[in-house]
Amino acid sequence: MKRWILVSTMFVAMLVLSGQPAMTQTSPQAQSEQVMVSIYLAPGQHINFLKWQAAREAVNQSLGFPPTSWYAHLDGDSWDYVSVGPRLTEQQEMQLDREAWNRGLTTGFAAGIELRHFMLSHTDTIAVGPISASELVTLGQE
């Protein structure tokens, strides 16, 4: 089961990241950035899950952080939603928590417990991209 989840996660991440627009710097490392790819399974709780995420997305937007891209399942694998967003710094995470708290949203461990109420499972993966295969070869040879 764990192998299937790993393979599924890697496939979805590659599929999603390939649709992201390329950046304009020249070196492979400058062209790509670290992102957080999350895959969610939320049976019976889709609307509540999306409302929870939308409330936090509004906090991110108010602070000017890069947006998260969302993908909804239509056919195929067993996930419901995939998100690809920026990997935030510890300082940015603290800003988000402070602003979320000011808006009356749960934060920290309580937020994690609240989120888990809406889903059956999820995975988080730190990835790099968007980046071409040839650029990855170059990075692998450095």
C-alpha atoms as a PDB file:
ATOM      1  CA  MET A   1       0.000   0.000   0.000  1.00  0.00           C
ATOM      2  CA  LYS A   2       2.786   2.446   0.906  1.00  0.00           C
ATOM      3  CA  ARG A   3       4.556   1.724  -2.408  1.00  0.00           C
ATOM      4  CA  TRP A   4       1.328   2.432  -4.315  1.00  0.00           C
ATOM      5  CA  ILE A   5       0.900   5.743  -2.477  1.00  0.00           C
ATOM      6  CA  LEU A   6       4.512   6.715  -3.221  1.00  0.00           C
ATOM      7  CA  VAL A   7       4.200   5.862  -6.926  1.00  0.00           C
ATOM      8  CA  SER A   8       0.819   7.580  -7.144  1.00  0.00           C
ATOM      9  CA  THR A   9       2.148  10.677  -5.369  1.00  0.00           C
ATOM     10  CA  MET A  10       5.183  10.900  -7.617  1.00  0.00           C
ATOM     11  CA  PHE A  11       3.064  10.493 -10.762  1.00  0.00           C
ATOM     12  CA  VAL A  12       0.538  13.133  -9.737  1.00  0.00           C
ATOM     13  CA  ALA A  13       3.295  15.530  -8.672  1.00  0.00           C
ATOM     14  CA  MET A  14       5.079  15.172 -12.003  1.00  0.00           C
ATOM     15  CA  LEU A  15       1.816  15.585 -13.909  1.00  0.00           C
ATOM     16  CA  VAL A  16       0.799  18.666 -11.953  1.00  0.00           C
ATOM     17  CA  LEU A  17       4.215  20.295 -11.985  1.00  0.00           C
ATOM     18  CA  SER A  18       4.572  19.822 -15.739  1.00  0.00           C
ATOM     19  CA  GLY A  19       1.616  22.169 -16.192  1.00  0.00           C
ATOM     20  CA  GLN A  20       3.185  24.984 -14.182  1.00  0.00           C
ATOM     21  CA  PRO A  21       4.531  27.936 -16.209  1.00  0.00           C
ATOM     22  CA  ALA A  22       8.304  28.090 -16.552  1.00  0.00           C
ATOM     23  CA  MET A  23      10.265  30.838 -14.821  1.00  0.00           C
ATOM     24  CA  THR A  24      12.684  33.062 -16.736  1.00  0.00           C
ATOM     25  CA  GLN A  25      16.083  32.831 -15.007  1.00  0.00           C
ATOM     26  CA  THR A  26      18.864  30.958 -16.782  1.00  0.00           C
ATOM     27  CA  SER A  27      20.460  28.424 -14.438  1.00  0.00           C
ATOM     28  CA  PRO A  28      18.531  25.219 -13.616  1.00  0.00           C
ATOM     29  CA  GLN A  29      18.591  25.989  -9.897  1.00  0.00           C
ATOM     30  CA  ALA A  30      17.367  29.556 -10.484  1.00  0.00           C
ATOM     31  CA  GLN A  31      14.616  28.356 -12.836  1.00  0.00           C
ATOM     32  CA  SER A  32      13.053  26.108 -10.254  1.00  0.00           C
ATOM     33  CA  GLU A  33      11.848  26.522  -6.735  1.00  0.00           C
ATOM     34  CA  GLN A  34      10.789  24.243  -3.946  1.00  0.00           C
ATOM     35  CA  VAL A  35       7.059  23.651  -3.792  1.00  0.00           C
ATOM     36  CA  MET A  36       4.735  21.711  -1.533  1.00  0.00           C
ATOM     37  CA  VAL A  37       2.622  19.137  -3.357  1.00  0.00           C
ATOM     38  CA  SER A  38      -0.300  17.863  -1.291  1.00  0.00           C
ATOM     39  CA  ILE A  39      -2.739  15.126  -2.242  1.00  0.00           C
ATOM     40  CA  TYR A  40      -6.037  14.868  -0.365  1.00  0.00           C
ATOM     41  CA  LEU A  41      -8.794  12.282  -0.095  1.00  0.00           C
ATOM     42  CA  ALA A  42     -11.889  13.848   1.485  1.00  0.00           C
ATOM     43  CA  PRO A  43     -14.885  11.536   0.956  1.00  0.00           C
ATOM     44  CA  GLY A  44     -18.190  13.054   2.012  1.00  0.00           C
ATOM     45  CA  GLN A  45     -16.534  16.278   3.186  1.00  0.00           C
ATOM     46  CA  HIS A  46     -15.664  18.002  -0.104  1.00  0.00           C
ATOM     47  CA  ILE A  47     -17.448  21.299   0.513  1.00  0.00           C
ATOM     48  CA  ASN A  48     -16.326  21.580   4.147  1.00  0.00           C
ATOM     49  CA  PHE A  49     -12.756  20.724   3.147  1.00  0.00           C
ATOM     50  CA  LEU A  50     -12.752  23.325   0.356  1.00  0.00           C
ATOM     51  CA  LYS A  51     -14.270  26.020   2.614  1.00  0.00           C
ATOM     52  CA  TRP A  52     -11.564  25.330   5.214  1.00  0.00           C
ATOM     53  CA  GLN A  53      -8.845  25.619   2.577  1.00  0.00           C
ATOM     54  CA  ALA A  54     -10.423  28.745   1.013  1.00  0.00           C
ATOM     55  CA  ALA A  55     -10.380  30.536   4.391  1.00  0.00           C
ATOM     56  CA  ARG A  56      -6.654  29.916   4.714  1.00  0.00           C
ATOM     57  CA  GLU A  57      -6.070  30.791   1.072  1.00  0.00           C
ATOM     58  CA  ALA A  58      -7.605  34.208   1.792  1.00  0.00           C
ATOM     59  CA  VAL A  59      -5.042  34.704   4.578  1.00  0.00           C
ATOM     60  CA  ASN A  60      -2.185  33.795   2.211  1.00  0.00           C
ATOM     61  CA  GLN A  61      -3.510  36.232  -0.379  1.00  0.00           C
ATOM     62  CA  SER A  62      -3.860  39.061   2.150  1.00  0.00           C
ATOM     63  CA  LEU A  63      -0.189  38.657   3.052  1.00  0.00           C
ATOM     64  CA  GLY A  64       0.886  38.650  -0.598  1.00  0.00           C
ATOM     65  CA  PHE A  65       2.274  35.118  -0.588  1.00  0.00           C
ATOM     66  CA  PRO A  66       2.323  33.218  -3.893  1.00  0.00           C
ATOM     67  CA  PRO A  67      -0.956  31.424  -4.580  1.00  0.00           C
ATOM     68  CA  THR A  68      -1.522  27.700  -4.372  1.00  0.00           C
ATOM     69  CA  SER A  69      -2.792  25.957  -7.500  1.00  0.00           C
ATOM     70  CA  TRP A  70      -5.580  23.431  -6.947  1.00  0.00           C
ATOM     71  CA  TYR A  71      -6.502  20.449  -9.095  1.00  0.00           C
ATOM     72  CA  ALA A  72      -9.777  18.530  -8.695  1.00  0.00           C
ATOM     73  CA  HIS A  73     -10.094  14.835  -9.530  1.00  0.00           C
ATOM     74  CA  LEU A  74     -12.252  14.040 -12.543  1.00  0.00           C
ATOM     75  CA  ASP A  75     -11.345  10.460 -13.407  1.00  0.00           C
ATOM     76  CA  GLY A  76      -8.657   7.897 -12.658  1.00  0.00           C
ATOM     77  CA  ASP A  77      -6.728   7.648  -9.386  1.00  0.00           C
ATOM     78  CA  SER A  78      -8.322   7.735  -5.929  1.00  0.00           C
ATOM     79  CA  TRP A  79      -7.410  11.275  -4.818  1.00  0.00           C
ATOM     80  CA  ASP A  80      -9.932  14.138  -4.641  1.00  0.00           C
ATOM     81  CA  TYR A  81      -7.686  17.229  -4.721  1.00  0.00           C
ATOM     82  CA  VAL A  82      -4.049  18.057  -5.376  1.00  0.00           C
ATOM     83  CA  SER A  83      -2.530  21.378  -4.414  1.00  0.00           C
ATOM     84  CA  VAL A  84       0.816  22.776  -5.519  1.00  0.00           C
ATOM     85  CA  GLY A  85       1.952  25.791  -3.559  1.00  0.00           C
ATOM     86  CA  PRO A  86       5.027  27.601  -2.370  1.00  0.00           C
ATOM     87  CA  ARG A  87       7.199  26.134   0.341  1.00  0.00           C
ATOM     88  CA  LEU A  88       7.050  28.888   2.935  1.00  0.00           C
ATOM     89  CA  THR A  89       9.762  29.886   5.363  1.00  0.00           C
ATOM     90  CA  GLU A  90       9.344  29.535   9.114  1.00  0.00           C
ATOM     91  CA  GLN A  91       8.894  33.323   9.334  1.00  0.00           C
ATOM     92  CA  GLN A  92       6.159  33.254   6.675  1.00  0.00           C
ATOM     93  CA  GLU A  93       4.425  30.400   8.502  1.00  0.00           C
ATOM     94  CA  MET A  94       4.464  32.490  11.686  1.00  0.00           C
ATOM     95  CA  GLN A  95       2.949  35.451   9.796  1.00  0.00           C
ATOM     96  CA  LEU A  96       0.222  33.177   8.448  1.00  0.00           C
ATOM     97  CA  ASP A  97      -0.575  31.808  11.887  1.00  0.00           C
ATOM     98  CA  ARG A  98      -0.739  35.301  13.366  1.00  0.00           C
ATOM     99  CA  GLU A  99      -3.081  36.563  10.637  1.00  0.00           C
ATOM    100  CA  ALA A 100      -5.224  33.405  10.740  1.00  0.00           C
ATOM    101  CA  TRP A 101      -5.535  33.778  14.525  1.00  0.00           C
ATOM    102  CA  ASN A 102      -6.558  37.431  14.091  1.00  0.00           C
ATOM    103  CA  ARG A 103      -9.315  36.267  11.726  1.00  0.00           C
ATOM    104  CA  GLY A 104     -10.608  33.713  14.223  1.00  0.00           C
ATOM    105  CA  LEU A 105      -9.200  30.667  12.443  1.00  0.00           C
ATOM    106  CA  THR A 106      -7.548  27.796  14.248  1.00  0.00           C
ATOM    107  CA  THR A 107      -3.767  27.577  14.054  1.00  0.00           C
ATOM    108  CA  GLY A 108      -0.983  25.166  14.939  1.00  0.00           C
ATOM    109  CA  PHE A 109      -1.823  21.691  16.192  1.00  0.00           C
ATOM    110  CA  ALA A 110      -5.534  22.548  16.561  1.00  0.00           C
ATOM    111  CA  ALA A 111      -5.689  23.493  12.873  1.00  0.00           C
ATOM    112  CA  GLY A 112      -4.152  20.155  11.931  1.00  0.00           C
ATOM    113  CA  ILE A 113      -6.725  18.278  13.992  1.00  0.00           C
ATOM    114  CA  GLU A 114      -9.525  20.365  12.473  1.00  0.00           C
ATOM    115  CA  LEU A 115      -8.291  19.702   8.919  1.00  0.00           C
ATOM    116  CA  ARG A 116      -8.080  15.955   9.542  1.00  0.00           C
ATOM    117  CA  HIS A 117     -11.781  15.971  10.430  1.00  0.00           C
ATOM    118  CA  PHE A 118     -12.537  16.673   6.744  1.00  0.00           C
ATOM    119  CA  MET A 119     -10.332  14.063   5.088  1.00  0.00           C
ATOM    120  CA  LEU A 120      -9.564  10.384   5.066  1.00  0.00           C
ATOM    121  CA  SER A 121      -5.914  10.787   4.088  1.00  0.00           C
ATOM    122  CA  HIS A 122      -3.355  13.153   2.640  1.00  0.00           C
ATOM    123  CA  THR A 123       0.296  13.337   1.710  1.00  0.00           C
ATOM    124  CA  ASP A 124       2.688  16.269   1.558  1.00  0.00           C
ATOM    125  CA  THR A 125       5.740  16.142  -0.661  1.00  0.00           C
ATOM    126  CA  ILE A 126       8.430  18.771  -1.112  1.00  0.00           C
ATOM    127  CA  ALA A 127       9.386  18.937  -4.777  1.00  0.00           C
ATOM    128  CA  VAL A 128      11.428  21.159  -7.058  1.00  0.00           C
ATOM    129  CA  GLY A 129      10.040  22.641 -10.263  1.00  0.00           C
ATOM    130  CA  PRO A 130       9.061  23.499 -12.763  1.00  0.00           C
ATOM    131  CA  ILE A 131      12.218  22.156 -14.355  1.00  0.00           C
ATOM    132  CA  SER A 132      13.012  20.184 -17.519  1.00  0.00           C
ATOM    133  CA  ALA A 133      14.479  16.675 -17.573  1.00  0.00           C
ATOM    134  CA  SER A 134      17.691  17.970 -19.165  1.00  0.00           C
ATOM    135  CA  GLU A 135      18.096  20.525 -16.369  1.00  0.00           C
ATOM    136  CA  LEU A 136      17.650  17.747 -13.815  1.00  0.00           C
ATOM    137  CA  VAL A 137      20.401  15.803 -15.556  1.00  0.00           C
ATOM    138  CA  THR A 138      22.670  18.847 -15.244  1.00  0.00           C
ATOM    139  CA  LEU A 139      21.855  19.159 -11.532  1.00  0.00           C
ATOM    140  CA  GLY A 140      22.518  15.438 -11.056  1.00  0.00           C
ATOM    141  CA  GLN A 141      25.998  15.808 -12.517  1.00  0.00           C
ATOM    142  CA  GLU A 142      27.081  18.769 -10.384  1.00  0.00           C
END
